Amino acid sequence: MIEAFGRSGWRWLNEPRSWSTDGGMSAHTDPDTDYWRITHYDFIRDTGHLFAREVAGNFRLLTTFSGEYTHQYDQAGAMLRIDDRTWIKTGVELFNGELQASAVVTREVSDWSVVPIGRPHSVSLAVERIGDTVTVRYGLDGAAPETMLRLAYFPPDVPLLAGVMCASPDGPGCAIRFERLAIESV
């Protein structure tokens, strides 16, 4: 178990080759990493980097991060994961040369939604699980995460891994910096 962000109990799923903690957490994504299941691309990838802790019940995950996104699908953000078939990842993804606020909800198969966000220096996320609902909100460049990106069904009363994720499906990898990561009961 790893101590970071003022708490112990963190662990990696698919630990990247290069990462460090120093008041926050910096990572460099490995190439050919992603989370996706079947839809449109007809493949399954479960190789993205997830830095998380086990959580149960209702909670809010807050994170602020930045990245050097350079290649198609470079991504970073937050993730809730019950298992390899049931998870949500959300954050920033480079798609067709533009940064997008992105959300993927996976219950056996993945869906994906994006919203263009320009070129912010940093993004803040609030991912809240209340009962059977997960609500994702974001804010740009220091703004509070108040803009709703997604409201999705997610199985209630099931322990899960909650934390931050990053991946580089197509490129050589990219540098990501998480300044904040907090999980609080609500």
N, C-alpha and C. Protein backbone atom coordinates (compact mmCIF):
# COMPACT_ATOMS: atom_id res chain seq x y z
N MET A 1 0.84 -1.18 0.00
CA MET A 1 0.00 0.00 0.00
C MET A 1 0.89 1.25 0.00
N ILE A 2 0.42 2.28 -0.67
CA ILE A 2 1.21 3.49 -0.89
C ILE A 2 0.58 4.64 -0.13
N GLU A 3 1.42 5.50 0.44
CA GLU A 3 0.94 6.71 1.08
C GLU A 3 1.08 7.87 0.10
N ALA A 4 -0.01 8.60 -0.10
CA ALA A 4 -0.01 9.76 -1.00
C ALA A 4 -1.24 10.61 -0.68
N PHE A 5 -1.19 11.88 -1.02
CA PHE A 5 -2.29 12.80 -0.81
C PHE A 5 -2.78 12.78 0.64
N GLY A 6 -1.84 12.60 1.58
CA GLY A 6 -2.17 12.63 2.99
C GLY A 6 -2.85 11.40 3.54
N ARG A 7 -2.88 10.30 2.76
CA ARG A 7 -3.53 9.07 3.22
C ARG A 7 -2.71 7.87 2.78
N SER A 8 -2.89 6.78 3.50
CA SER A 8 -2.28 5.52 3.08
C SER A 8 -3.37 4.64 2.47
N GLY A 9 -2.96 3.52 1.92
CA GLY A 9 -3.93 2.58 1.37
C GLY A 9 -4.12 2.66 -0.13
N TRP A 10 -3.38 3.52 -0.81
CA TRP A 10 -3.46 3.58 -2.27
C TRP A 10 -2.70 2.41 -2.87
N ARG A 11 -3.13 2.00 -4.07
CA ARG A 11 -2.40 0.97 -4.80
C ARG A 11 -2.60 1.19 -6.29
N TRP A 12 -1.72 0.60 -7.06
CA TRP A 12 -1.79 0.68 -8.52
C TRP A 12 -2.47 -0.56 -9.09
N LEU A 13 -3.28 -0.34 -10.10
CA LEU A 13 -3.69 -1.37 -11.04
C LEU A 13 -2.97 -1.00 -12.33
N ASN A 14 -2.10 -1.85 -12.82
CA ASN A 14 -1.28 -1.57 -14.00
C ASN A 14 -0.35 -0.38 -13.75
N GLU A 15 0.55 -0.56 -12.82
CA GLU A 15 1.50 0.49 -12.43
C GLU A 15 2.34 0.93 -13.63
N PRO A 16 2.45 2.25 -13.86
CA PRO A 16 3.32 2.73 -14.95
C PRO A 16 4.79 2.56 -14.57
N ARG A 17 5.64 2.52 -15.57
CA ARG A 17 7.08 2.37 -15.31
C ARG A 17 7.64 3.57 -14.57
N SER A 18 7.08 4.76 -14.80
CA SER A 18 7.62 5.98 -14.20
C SER A 18 6.52 6.75 -13.47
N TRP A 19 6.70 6.91 -12.15
CA TRP A 19 5.77 7.72 -11.35
C TRP A 19 6.45 8.10 -10.04
N SER A 20 5.94 9.16 -9.41
CA SER A 20 6.47 9.58 -8.12
C SER A 20 5.40 10.36 -7.36
N THR A 21 5.53 10.37 -6.03
CA THR A 21 4.66 11.19 -5.19
C THR A 21 5.54 12.22 -4.50
N ASP A 22 5.03 13.44 -4.44
CA ASP A 22 5.77 14.54 -3.81
C ASP A 22 4.80 15.66 -3.46
N GLY A 23 3.82 15.34 -2.64
CA GLY A 23 2.75 16.29 -2.34
C GLY A 23 1.59 16.10 -3.29
N GLY A 24 1.84 15.63 -4.46
CA GLY A 24 0.85 15.22 -5.46
C GLY A 24 1.34 13.91 -6.03
N MET A 25 1.04 13.70 -7.30
CA MET A 25 1.54 12.49 -7.95
C MET A 25 1.79 12.80 -9.43
N SER A 26 2.97 12.42 -9.89
CA SER A 26 3.32 12.57 -11.30
C SER A 26 3.49 11.18 -11.90
N ALA A 27 3.05 11.03 -13.13
CA ALA A 27 3.20 9.75 -13.82
C ALA A 27 3.46 10.01 -15.29
N HIS A 28 4.16 9.09 -15.90
CA HIS A 28 4.31 9.10 -17.36
C HIS A 28 3.64 7.82 -17.84
N THR A 29 2.63 7.97 -18.69
CA THR A 29 1.89 6.81 -19.16
C THR A 29 2.76 5.92 -20.03
N ASP A 30 2.54 4.64 -19.92
CA ASP A 30 3.20 3.69 -20.82
C ASP A 30 2.43 3.66 -22.13
N PRO A 31 3.09 3.35 -23.24
CA PRO A 31 2.37 3.22 -24.52
C PRO A 31 1.44 2.01 -24.50
N ASP A 32 0.45 2.05 -25.38
CA ASP A 32 -0.51 0.96 -25.58
C ASP A 32 -1.28 0.64 -24.29
N THR A 33 -1.71 1.69 -23.59
CA THR A 33 -2.49 1.54 -22.37
C THR A 33 -3.86 2.18 -22.57
N ASP A 34 -4.90 1.52 -22.05
CA ASP A 34 -6.26 2.06 -22.20
C ASP A 34 -7.22 1.21 -21.39
N TYR A 35 -8.43 1.75 -21.20
CA TYR A 35 -9.57 1.00 -20.70
C TYR A 35 -10.68 1.13 -21.75
N TRP A 36 -11.14 0.01 -22.27
CA TRP A 36 -12.23 0.00 -23.26
C TRP A 36 -12.77 -1.41 -23.38
N ARG A 37 -14.08 -1.53 -23.68
CA ARG A 37 -14.69 -2.85 -23.89
C ARG A 37 -15.59 -2.83 -25.12
N ILE A 38 -15.17 -3.40 -26.18
CA ILE A 38 -15.91 -3.90 -27.33
C ILE A 38 -16.51 -2.83 -28.26
N THR A 39 -17.41 -1.98 -27.79
CA THR A 39 -18.19 -1.09 -28.65
C THR A 39 -17.34 -0.39 -29.70
N HIS A 40 -17.78 -0.39 -30.93
CA HIS A 40 -17.21 0.30 -32.09
C HIS A 40 -15.85 -0.26 -32.51
N TYR A 41 -14.92 -0.43 -31.56
CA TYR A 41 -13.57 -0.87 -31.90
C TYR A 41 -13.42 -2.38 -31.88
N ASP A 42 -14.36 -3.09 -31.27
CA ASP A 42 -14.38 -4.54 -31.22
C ASP A 42 -13.14 -5.15 -30.56
N PHE A 43 -12.64 -4.46 -29.51
CA PHE A 43 -11.55 -5.03 -28.73
C PHE A 43 -11.77 -4.72 -27.26
N ILE A 44 -11.00 -5.38 -26.42
CA ILE A 44 -11.03 -5.15 -24.98
C ILE A 44 -9.63 -4.75 -24.55
N ARG A 45 -9.54 -3.61 -23.85
CA ARG A 45 -8.27 -3.18 -23.26
C ARG A 45 -8.50 -2.90 -21.79
N ASP A 46 -7.64 -3.44 -20.97
CA ASP A 46 -7.73 -3.26 -19.52
C ASP A 46 -6.32 -3.01 -18.98
N THR A 47 -5.61 -2.10 -19.66
CA THR A 47 -4.19 -1.89 -19.39
C THR A 47 -3.86 -0.49 -18.90
N GLY A 48 -4.85 0.39 -18.78
CA GLY A 48 -4.60 1.75 -18.30
C GLY A 48 -4.06 1.74 -16.88
N HIS A 49 -3.53 2.87 -16.46
CA HIS A 49 -2.97 3.01 -15.12
C HIS A 49 -4.04 3.57 -14.18
N LEU A 50 -4.29 2.89 -13.08
CA LEU A 50 -5.27 3.33 -12.08
C LEU A 50 -4.60 3.36 -10.72
N PHE A 51 -4.59 4.54 -10.08
CA PHE A 51 -4.04 4.74 -8.74
C PHE A 51 -5.25 4.96 -7.84
N ALA A 52 -5.55 3.98 -6.97
CA ALA A 52 -6.85 4.00 -6.31
C ALA A 52 -6.82 3.36 -4.92
N ARG A 53 -7.92 3.48 -4.24
CA ARG A 53 -8.15 2.82 -2.95
C ARG A 53 -9.56 2.27 -2.95
N GLU A 54 -9.82 1.29 -2.10
CA GLU A 54 -11.16 0.70 -2.03
C GLU A 54 -12.09 1.63 -1.26
N VAL A 55 -13.30 1.79 -1.80
CA VAL A 55 -14.32 2.66 -1.22
C VAL A 55 -15.65 1.92 -1.28
N ALA A 56 -16.51 2.17 -0.30
CA ALA A 56 -17.87 1.62 -0.32
C ALA A 56 -18.85 2.73 0.03
N GLY A 57 -20.09 2.54 -0.32
CA GLY A 57 -21.13 3.51 0.03
C GLY A 57 -21.09 4.75 -0.84
N ASN A 58 -21.66 5.82 -0.29
CA ASN A 58 -21.75 7.09 -0.99
C ASN A 58 -20.48 7.90 -0.74
N PHE A 59 -19.95 8.52 -1.79
CA PHE A 59 -18.71 9.30 -1.64
C PHE A 59 -18.59 10.31 -2.77
N ARG A 60 -17.63 11.23 -2.58
CA ARG A 60 -17.26 12.20 -3.61
C ARG A 60 -15.75 12.12 -3.79
N LEU A 61 -15.31 11.96 -5.02
CA LEU A 61 -13.90 11.98 -5.38
C LEU A 61 -13.62 13.34 -6.01
N LEU A 62 -12.58 14.02 -5.53
CA LEU A 62 -12.17 15.31 -6.07
C LEU A 62 -10.73 15.20 -6.53
N THR A 63 -10.46 15.66 -7.73
CA THR A 63 -9.08 15.66 -8.22
C THR A 63 -8.86 16.87 -9.12
N THR A 64 -7.62 17.34 -9.14
CA THR A 64 -7.18 18.40 -10.05
C THR A 64 -5.90 17.90 -10.70
N PHE A 65 -5.82 18.06 -12.02
CA PHE A 65 -4.69 17.48 -12.76
C PHE A 65 -4.41 18.26 -14.02
N SER A 66 -3.22 18.02 -14.57
CA SER A 66 -2.82 18.61 -15.86
C SER A 66 -1.99 17.57 -16.60
N GLY A 67 -1.82 17.79 -17.89
CA GLY A 67 -1.07 16.82 -18.67
C GLY A 67 -0.47 17.42 -19.91
N GLU A 68 0.47 16.69 -20.47
CA GLU A 68 1.11 17.06 -21.74
C GLU A 68 0.59 16.10 -22.81
N TYR A 69 -0.66 16.29 -23.17
CA TYR A 69 -1.34 15.41 -24.13
C TYR A 69 -0.84 15.74 -25.54
N THR A 70 -0.26 14.75 -26.22
CA THR A 70 0.33 15.01 -27.53
C THR A 70 -0.18 14.09 -28.62
N HIS A 71 -0.68 12.91 -28.27
CA HIS A 71 -1.10 11.95 -29.27
C HIS A 71 -2.56 11.56 -29.09
N GLN A 72 -3.18 11.17 -30.18
CA GLN A 72 -4.59 10.76 -30.18
C GLN A 72 -4.89 9.85 -28.98
N TYR A 73 -5.92 10.20 -28.24
CA TYR A 73 -6.45 9.45 -27.09
C TYR A 73 -5.60 9.53 -25.82
N ASP A 74 -4.49 10.31 -25.78
CA ASP A 74 -3.82 10.53 -24.49
C ASP A 74 -4.89 11.02 -23.52
N GLN A 75 -4.86 10.50 -22.28
CA GLN A 75 -5.97 10.78 -21.36
C GLN A 75 -5.53 10.73 -19.90
N ALA A 76 -6.30 11.45 -19.07
CA ALA A 76 -6.09 11.42 -17.62
C ALA A 76 -7.39 11.85 -16.96
N GLY A 77 -7.56 11.41 -15.72
CA GLY A 77 -8.76 11.81 -14.98
C GLY A 77 -9.01 10.90 -13.80
N ALA A 78 -10.27 10.58 -13.57
CA ALA A 78 -10.70 9.77 -12.43
C ALA A 78 -11.34 8.48 -12.92
N MET A 79 -11.36 7.48 -12.05
CA MET A 79 -11.97 6.21 -12.41
C MET A 79 -12.61 5.57 -11.19
N LEU A 80 -13.80 4.98 -11.41
CA LEU A 80 -14.47 4.12 -10.44
C LEU A 80 -14.52 2.75 -11.09
N ARG A 81 -14.08 1.72 -10.37
CA ARG A 81 -13.97 0.40 -10.99
C ARG A 81 -14.44 -0.69 -10.02
N ILE A 82 -15.49 -1.39 -10.43
CA ILE A 82 -15.94 -2.56 -9.68
C ILE A 82 -15.14 -3.78 -10.13
N ASP A 83 -15.03 -3.95 -11.45
CA ASP A 83 -14.25 -5.04 -12.03
C ASP A 83 -13.95 -4.69 -13.48
N ASP A 84 -13.41 -5.62 -14.26
CA ASP A 84 -13.01 -5.32 -15.63
C ASP A 84 -14.19 -5.13 -16.58
N ARG A 85 -15.41 -5.36 -16.13
CA ARG A 85 -16.60 -5.19 -16.96
C ARG A 85 -17.52 -4.08 -16.49
N THR A 86 -17.19 -3.47 -15.33
CA THR A 86 -18.06 -2.46 -14.73
C THR A 86 -17.21 -1.34 -14.18
N TRP A 87 -17.15 -0.22 -14.91
CA TRP A 87 -16.32 0.90 -14.49
C TRP A 87 -16.74 2.18 -15.20
N ILE A 88 -16.28 3.30 -14.65
CA ILE A 88 -16.45 4.62 -15.26
C ILE A 88 -15.09 5.29 -15.24
N LYS A 89 -14.67 5.84 -16.38
CA LYS A 89 -13.49 6.71 -16.41
C LYS A 89 -13.94 8.04 -16.98
N THR A 90 -13.37 9.12 -16.46
CA THR A 90 -13.75 10.45 -16.89
C THR A 90 -12.58 11.40 -16.71
N GLY A 91 -12.52 12.42 -17.53
CA GLY A 91 -11.44 13.39 -17.42
C GLY A 91 -11.20 14.11 -18.72
N VAL A 92 -9.95 14.12 -19.15
CA VAL A 92 -9.53 14.81 -20.37
C VAL A 92 -8.98 13.78 -21.33
N GLU A 93 -9.32 13.94 -22.61
CA GLU A 93 -8.79 13.06 -23.63
C GLU A 93 -8.52 13.88 -24.89
N LEU A 94 -7.36 13.65 -25.50
CA LEU A 94 -7.03 14.31 -26.76
C LEU A 94 -7.67 13.51 -27.89
N PHE A 95 -8.57 14.17 -28.63
CA PHE A 95 -9.28 13.50 -29.72
C PHE A 95 -9.30 14.42 -30.93
N ASN A 96 -8.75 13.94 -32.04
CA ASN A 96 -8.66 14.72 -33.29
C ASN A 96 -8.02 16.09 -33.07
N GLY A 97 -6.97 16.11 -32.25
CA GLY A 97 -6.20 17.33 -32.03
C GLY A 97 -6.78 18.30 -31.03
N GLU A 98 -7.92 17.99 -30.44
CA GLU A 98 -8.59 18.88 -29.49
C GLU A 98 -8.74 18.19 -28.14
N LEU A 99 -8.56 18.96 -27.06
CA LEU A 99 -8.83 18.41 -25.73
C LEU A 99 -10.33 18.34 -25.50
N GLN A 100 -10.77 17.23 -24.94
CA GLN A 100 -12.19 16.99 -24.69
C GLN A 100 -12.38 16.60 -23.23
N ALA A 101 -13.44 17.11 -22.60
CA ALA A 101 -13.90 16.50 -21.36
C ALA A 101 -14.56 15.21 -21.80
N SER A 102 -14.20 14.11 -21.17
CA SER A 102 -14.58 12.79 -21.66
C SER A 102 -15.16 11.95 -20.54
N ALA A 103 -16.13 11.12 -20.88
CA ALA A 103 -16.66 10.15 -19.92
C ALA A 103 -16.96 8.85 -20.66
N VAL A 104 -16.50 7.74 -20.08
CA VAL A 104 -16.79 6.41 -20.59
C VAL A 104 -17.45 5.62 -19.46
N VAL A 105 -18.64 5.13 -19.72
CA VAL A 105 -19.35 4.29 -18.76
C VAL A 105 -19.39 2.89 -19.35
N THR A 106 -18.93 1.92 -18.57
CA THR A 106 -18.84 0.54 -19.05
C THR A 106 -19.61 -0.37 -18.11
N ARG A 107 -20.61 -1.02 -18.67
CA ARG A 107 -21.35 -2.10 -18.02
C ARG A 107 -21.44 -3.18 -19.08
N GLU A 108 -20.44 -4.03 -19.14
CA GLU A 108 -20.23 -5.08 -20.16
C GLU A 108 -19.66 -4.50 -21.46
N VAL A 109 -20.21 -3.38 -21.95
CA VAL A 109 -19.68 -2.70 -23.13
C VAL A 109 -19.51 -1.22 -22.81
N SER A 110 -18.56 -0.57 -23.47
CA SER A 110 -18.26 0.83 -23.19
C SER A 110 -19.09 1.76 -24.06
N ASP A 111 -19.46 2.91 -23.48
CA ASP A 111 -19.97 4.02 -24.27
C ASP A 111 -19.03 5.20 -24.03
N TRP A 112 -19.14 6.25 -24.84
CA TRP A 112 -18.20 7.36 -24.75
C TRP A 112 -18.89 8.64 -25.13
N SER A 113 -18.64 9.69 -24.35
CA SER A 113 -19.14 11.02 -24.70
C SER A 113 -18.02 12.03 -24.46
N VAL A 114 -17.99 13.07 -25.30
CA VAL A 114 -16.96 14.10 -25.20
C VAL A 114 -17.58 15.48 -25.38
N VAL A 115 -16.90 16.49 -24.80
CA VAL A 115 -17.27 17.90 -24.94
C VAL A 115 -15.97 18.68 -25.11
N PRO A 116 -15.82 19.49 -26.17
CA PRO A 116 -14.59 20.27 -26.35
C PRO A 116 -14.39 21.25 -25.19
N ILE A 117 -13.12 21.39 -24.74
CA ILE A 117 -12.84 22.28 -23.60
C ILE A 117 -11.72 23.28 -23.89
N GLY A 118 -11.27 23.40 -25.13
CA GLY A 118 -10.17 24.32 -25.42
C GLY A 118 -8.85 23.76 -24.94
N ARG A 119 -8.00 24.62 -24.40
CA ARG A 119 -6.67 24.21 -23.93
C ARG A 119 -6.43 24.68 -22.49
N PRO A 120 -7.18 24.16 -21.53
CA PRO A 120 -6.97 24.59 -20.14
C PRO A 120 -5.64 24.09 -19.61
N HIS A 121 -5.08 24.83 -18.67
CA HIS A 121 -3.85 24.38 -18.01
C HIS A 121 -4.15 23.20 -17.08
N SER A 122 -5.28 23.28 -16.37
CA SER A 122 -5.64 22.20 -15.45
C SER A 122 -7.15 21.97 -15.49
N VAL A 123 -7.53 20.79 -15.03
CA VAL A 123 -8.95 20.40 -14.97
C VAL A 123 -9.20 19.86 -13.57
N SER A 124 -10.35 20.22 -13.01
CA SER A 124 -10.79 19.67 -11.73
C SER A 124 -12.04 18.85 -11.98
N LEU A 125 -12.12 17.71 -11.29
CA LEU A 125 -13.28 16.83 -11.39
C LEU A 125 -13.88 16.58 -10.02
N ALA A 126 -15.20 16.47 -9.99
CA ALA A 126 -15.93 15.96 -8.83
C ALA A 126 -16.75 14.79 -9.36
N VAL A 127 -16.47 13.60 -8.82
CA VAL A 127 -17.20 12.40 -9.21
C VAL A 127 -17.90 11.91 -7.96
N GLU A 128 -19.23 11.94 -7.99
CA GLU A 128 -20.02 11.64 -6.80
C GLU A 128 -20.90 10.43 -7.01
N ARG A 129 -20.82 9.49 -6.08
CA ARG A 129 -21.68 8.30 -6.12
C ARG A 129 -22.68 8.41 -4.97
N ILE A 130 -23.94 8.47 -5.32
CA ILE A 130 -25.04 8.48 -4.35
C ILE A 130 -26.01 7.38 -4.79
N GLY A 131 -26.14 6.34 -3.96
CA GLY A 131 -27.03 5.23 -4.32
C GLY A 131 -26.59 4.59 -5.61
N ASP A 132 -27.51 4.58 -6.60
CA ASP A 132 -27.21 3.94 -7.89
C ASP A 132 -26.81 4.95 -8.98
N THR A 133 -26.40 6.15 -8.56
CA THR A 133 -26.10 7.21 -9.52
C THR A 133 -24.70 7.76 -9.31
N VAL A 134 -23.98 7.93 -10.42
CA VAL A 134 -22.71 8.65 -10.41
C VAL A 134 -22.89 9.92 -11.23
N THR A 135 -22.51 11.05 -10.63
CA THR A 135 -22.57 12.34 -11.30
C THR A 135 -21.14 12.85 -11.46
N VAL A 136 -20.80 13.27 -12.68
CA VAL A 136 -19.47 13.79 -12.98
C VAL A 136 -19.61 15.27 -13.31
N ARG A 137 -18.81 16.09 -12.62
CA ARG A 137 -18.76 17.53 -12.89
C ARG A 137 -17.30 17.92 -13.11
N TYR A 138 -17.08 18.98 -13.91
CA TYR A 138 -15.71 19.44 -14.15
C TYR A 138 -15.63 20.95 -14.08
N GLY A 139 -14.41 21.45 -13.86
CA GLY A 139 -14.09 22.87 -13.90
C GLY A 139 -12.73 23.03 -14.54
N LEU A 140 -12.50 24.17 -15.18
CA LEU A 140 -11.26 24.42 -15.92
C LEU A 140 -10.43 25.51 -15.26
N ASP A 141 -9.12 25.34 -15.26
CA ASP A 141 -8.17 26.36 -14.80
C ASP A 141 -8.52 26.94 -13.44
N GLY A 142 -8.71 26.08 -12.47
CA GLY A 142 -8.94 26.53 -11.10
C GLY A 142 -10.39 26.74 -10.74
N ALA A 143 -11.30 26.69 -11.71
CA ALA A 143 -12.72 26.84 -11.42
C ALA A 143 -13.23 25.58 -10.70
N ALA A 144 -14.16 25.77 -9.80
CA ALA A 144 -14.76 24.63 -9.10
C ALA A 144 -15.44 23.72 -10.11
N PRO A 145 -15.42 22.42 -9.86
CA PRO A 145 -16.08 21.48 -10.79
C PRO A 145 -17.60 21.52 -10.65
N GLU A 146 -18.21 22.45 -11.39
CA GLU A 146 -19.66 22.65 -11.30
C GLU A 146 -20.40 22.32 -12.59
N THR A 147 -19.70 22.22 -13.72
CA THR A 147 -20.35 21.92 -15.00
C THR A 147 -20.58 20.41 -15.10
N MET A 148 -21.85 20.02 -15.22
CA MET A 148 -22.14 18.59 -15.28
C MET A 148 -21.76 18.02 -16.65
N LEU A 149 -21.02 16.92 -16.61
CA LEU A 149 -20.62 16.20 -17.82
C LEU A 149 -21.44 14.95 -18.01
N ARG A 150 -21.77 14.26 -16.92
CA ARG A 150 -22.45 12.97 -17.06
C ARG A 150 -23.19 12.62 -15.78
N LEU A 151 -24.33 12.00 -15.95
CA LEU A 151 -25.08 11.37 -14.87
C LEU A 151 -25.36 9.96 -15.37
N ALA A 152 -24.94 8.95 -14.60
CA ALA A 152 -25.02 7.58 -15.09
C ALA A 152 -25.43 6.63 -13.97
N TYR A 153 -26.11 5.56 -14.37
CA TYR A 153 -26.38 4.47 -13.44
C TYR A 153 -25.07 3.75 -13.13
N PHE A 154 -24.92 3.36 -11.85
CA PHE A 154 -23.78 2.56 -11.45
C PHE A 154 -24.24 1.69 -10.28
N PRO A 155 -23.91 0.41 -10.27
CA PRO A 155 -24.45 -0.48 -9.23
C PRO A 155 -24.20 0.05 -7.81
N PRO A 156 -25.26 0.13 -7.01
CA PRO A 156 -25.12 0.64 -5.64
C PRO A 156 -24.61 -0.43 -4.68
N ASP A 157 -24.15 0.02 -3.53
CA ASP A 157 -23.80 -0.88 -2.42
C ASP A 157 -22.77 -1.93 -2.78
N VAL A 158 -21.89 -1.63 -3.73
CA VAL A 158 -20.83 -2.55 -4.12
C VAL A 158 -19.50 -1.84 -3.87
N PRO A 159 -18.59 -2.44 -3.10
CA PRO A 159 -17.27 -1.82 -2.95
C PRO A 159 -16.57 -1.72 -4.30
N LEU A 160 -15.74 -0.69 -4.45
CA LEU A 160 -15.06 -0.46 -5.72
C LEU A 160 -13.73 0.21 -5.47
N LEU A 161 -12.92 0.28 -6.52
CA LEU A 161 -11.70 1.07 -6.50
C LEU A 161 -12.03 2.46 -7.03
N ALA A 162 -11.60 3.50 -6.32
CA ALA A 162 -11.82 4.88 -6.75
C ALA A 162 -10.48 5.60 -6.70
N GLY A 163 -10.19 6.33 -7.77
CA GLY A 163 -8.93 7.06 -7.81
C GLY A 163 -8.72 7.76 -9.13
N VAL A 164 -7.46 7.93 -9.50
CA VAL A 164 -7.12 8.63 -10.73
C VAL A 164 -6.51 7.66 -11.74
N MET A 165 -6.74 7.97 -13.01
CA MET A 165 -6.26 7.10 -14.08
C MET A 165 -5.57 7.92 -15.15
N CYS A 166 -4.74 7.25 -15.94
CA CYS A 166 -4.14 7.86 -17.11
C CYS A 166 -3.76 6.75 -18.08
N ALA A 167 -3.70 7.10 -19.37
CA ALA A 167 -3.42 6.10 -20.40
C ALA A 167 -3.01 6.78 -21.70
N SER A 168 -2.34 6.01 -22.55
CA SER A 168 -1.94 6.45 -23.89
C SER A 168 -2.12 5.29 -24.86
N PRO A 169 -3.32 5.15 -25.44
CA PRO A 169 -3.59 4.02 -26.33
C PRO A 169 -2.73 4.01 -27.60
N ASP A 170 -2.46 5.19 -28.19
CA ASP A 170 -1.82 5.24 -29.50
C ASP A 170 -0.41 5.79 -29.52
N GLY A 171 -0.06 6.67 -28.60
CA GLY A 171 1.24 7.33 -28.66
C GLY A 171 2.28 6.69 -27.76
N PRO A 172 3.41 7.38 -27.63
CA PRO A 172 4.53 6.85 -26.85
C PRO A 172 4.37 7.05 -25.34
N GLY A 173 3.30 7.71 -24.92
CA GLY A 173 3.09 8.03 -23.52
C GLY A 173 3.14 9.53 -23.31
N CYS A 174 2.63 9.98 -22.18
CA CYS A 174 2.62 11.41 -21.89
C CYS A 174 2.76 11.64 -20.39
N ALA A 175 3.20 12.85 -20.03
CA ALA A 175 3.38 13.22 -18.63
C ALA A 175 2.06 13.76 -18.06
N ILE A 176 1.70 13.28 -16.87
CA ILE A 176 0.49 13.69 -16.19
C ILE A 176 0.87 14.10 -14.77
N ARG A 177 0.22 15.14 -14.25
CA ARG A 177 0.45 15.59 -12.87
C ARG A 177 -0.90 15.74 -12.16
N PHE A 178 -1.07 14.98 -11.08
CA PHE A 178 -2.25 15.11 -10.23
C PHE A 178 -1.87 15.93 -9.01
N GLU A 179 -2.43 17.12 -8.89
CA GLU A 179 -2.14 18.02 -7.77
C GLU A 179 -2.97 17.66 -6.55
N ARG A 180 -4.17 17.15 -6.79
CA ARG A 180 -5.09 16.89 -5.69
C ARG A 180 -5.82 15.58 -5.96
N LEU A 181 -6.04 14.83 -4.88
CA LEU A 181 -6.89 13.65 -4.93
C LEU A 181 -7.45 13.44 -3.53
N ALA A 182 -8.74 13.55 -3.40
CA ALA A 182 -9.41 13.36 -2.11
C ALA A 182 -10.68 12.56 -2.33
N ILE A 183 -10.97 11.67 -1.41
CA ILE A 183 -12.22 10.92 -1.43
C ILE A 183 -12.87 11.09 -0.08
N GLU A 184 -14.12 11.60 -0.09
CA GLU A 184 -14.81 11.88 1.16
C GLU A 184 -16.19 11.26 1.15
N SER A 185 -16.63 10.79 2.29
CA SER A 185 -17.99 10.24 2.42
C SER A 185 -19.01 11.36 2.31
N VAL A 186 -20.15 11.06 1.71
CA VAL A 186 -21.25 12.04 1.63
C VAL A 186 -22.54 11.41 2.10
